[in-house]
């Protein structure tokens, strides 16, 4: 093989290596982009899950307070005469139905 042929083969090899580097860089960039998407989605999912769990705890605490308050009112309500209760229910129903 002559020197010219060797130089030509070296040039071809260098060109092939450069093209391979460019392709590898493209693939690495794409993989990094996809990895970032996956990480972002996982992070969002974890954040939303944690947020929902915290809000659920708050709602349960508030619901317990309301339930306890209502339970304390039961004896007082039971002492109200049935006619007064019926009148109150009628008033509530008329107000609710009037707003529909």
Protein backbone atom coordinates (compact mmCIF):
# COMPACT_ATOMS: atom_id res chain seq x y z
CA UNK A 1 0.00 0.00 0.00
CA UNK A 2 1.36 3.39 -0.92
CA UNK A 3 1.62 6.40 1.37
CA UNK A 4 -1.12 8.17 -0.57
CA UNK A 5 -3.45 5.23 -0.03
CA UNK A 6 -2.61 5.16 3.66
CA UNK A 7 -3.26 8.90 3.95
CA UNK A 8 -6.57 8.49 2.12
CA UNK A 9 -7.56 5.61 4.44
CA UNK A 10 -6.60 7.73 7.45
CA UNK A 11 -8.78 10.60 6.16
CA UNK A 12 -11.69 8.21 5.65
CA UNK A 13 -11.18 6.81 9.17
CA UNK A 14 -11.06 10.31 10.67
CA UNK A 15 -14.25 11.25 8.81
CA UNK A 16 -16.00 8.09 10.03
CA UNK A 17 -14.87 8.79 13.61
CA UNK A 18 -16.10 12.40 13.42
CA UNK A 19 -19.48 11.28 12.08
CA UNK A 20 -19.70 8.68 14.84
CA UNK A 21 -18.91 11.36 17.45
CA UNK A 22 -21.62 13.64 16.05
CA UNK A 23 -24.14 10.79 16.06
CA UNK A 24 -23.14 9.81 19.60
CA UNK A 25 -23.54 13.42 20.78
CA UNK A 26 -27.00 13.57 19.20
CA UNK A 27 -28.01 10.33 20.90
CA UNK A 28 -26.63 11.49 24.24
CA UNK A 29 -28.50 14.80 23.97
CA UNK A 30 -31.72 12.97 23.11
CA UNK A 31 -31.25 10.52 26.01
CA UNK A 32 -30.60 13.40 28.42
CA UNK A 33 -33.72 15.20 27.20
CA UNK A 34 -35.84 12.08 27.66
CA UNK A 35 -34.32 11.40 31.09
CA UNK A 36 -35.15 14.97 32.15
CA UNK A 37 -38.76 14.47 31.01
CA UNK A 38 -39.04 11.27 33.02
CA UNK A 39 -37.50 12.86 36.12
CA UNK A 40 -39.76 15.91 35.81
CA UNK A 41 -42.84 13.72 35.54
CA UNK A 42 -41.78 11.64 38.53
CA UNK A 43 -41.06 14.76 40.56
CA UNK A 44 -44.44 16.26 39.68
CA UNK A 45 -46.20 13.01 40.54
CA UNK A 46 -44.41 12.82 43.91
CA UNK A 47 -45.23 16.47 44.64
CA UNK A 48 -48.89 16.04 43.75
CA UNK A 49 -49.14 12.84 45.79
CA UNK A 50 -47.55 14.50 48.82
CA UNK A 51 -49.78 17.57 48.42
CA UNK A 52 -52.91 15.41 48.22
CA UNK A 53 -51.90 13.42 51.30
CA UNK A 54 -51.32 16.61 53.29
CA UNK A 55 -54.63 18.10 52.17
CA UNK A 56 -56.43 14.86 53.02
CA UNK A 57 -55.00 15.01 56.55
CA UNK A 58 -56.19 18.61 56.91
CA UNK A 59 -59.66 17.71 55.67
CA UNK A 60 -59.91 14.78 58.08
CA UNK A 61 -58.94 17.02 61.01
CA UNK A 62 -61.50 19.64 59.98
CA UNK A 63 -64.19 16.99 59.43
CA UNK A 64 -63.54 15.58 62.90
CA UNK A 65 -63.93 19.04 64.43
CA UNK A 66 -67.23 19.54 62.61
CA UNK A 67 -68.48 16.07 63.59
CA UNK A 68 -67.56 16.66 67.24
CA UNK A 69 -69.36 20.01 67.19
CA UNK A 70 -72.45 18.41 65.65
CA UNK A 71 -72.42 15.60 68.20
CA UNK A 72 -72.39 18.18 70.99
CA UNK A 73 -75.47 19.85 69.44
CA UNK A 74 -77.54 16.64 69.28
CA UNK A 75 -78.80 16.73 72.89
CA UNK A 76 -79.83 20.38 72.52
CA UNK A 77 -81.63 19.67 69.24
CA UNK A 78 -83.45 16.69 70.74
CA UNK A 79 -84.92 19.03 73.36
CA UNK A 80 -86.50 21.22 70.67
CA UNK A 81 -90.19 20.49 70.26
CA UNK A 82 -91.10 18.62 67.07
CA UNK A 83 -93.34 21.46 65.85
CA UNK A 84 -90.44 23.91 66.00
CA UNK A 85 -88.18 21.45 64.17
CA UNK A 86 -90.80 20.97 61.47
CA UNK A 87 -91.17 24.74 61.11
CA UNK A 88 -87.39 25.13 60.82
CA UNK A 89 -87.20 22.35 58.21
CA UNK A 90 -90.02 23.91 56.21
CA UNK A 91 -88.26 27.28 56.28
CA UNK A 92 -84.98 25.73 55.15
CA UNK A 93 -86.68 23.81 52.34
CA UNK A 94 -88.54 26.87 51.11
CA UNK A 95 -85.31 28.90 51.07
CA UNK A 96 -83.40 26.17 49.27
CA UNK A 97 -86.10 25.53 46.71
CA UNK A 98 -86.60 29.27 46.15
CA UNK A 99 -82.95 29.57 45.10
CA UNK A 100 -83.14 26.84 42.47
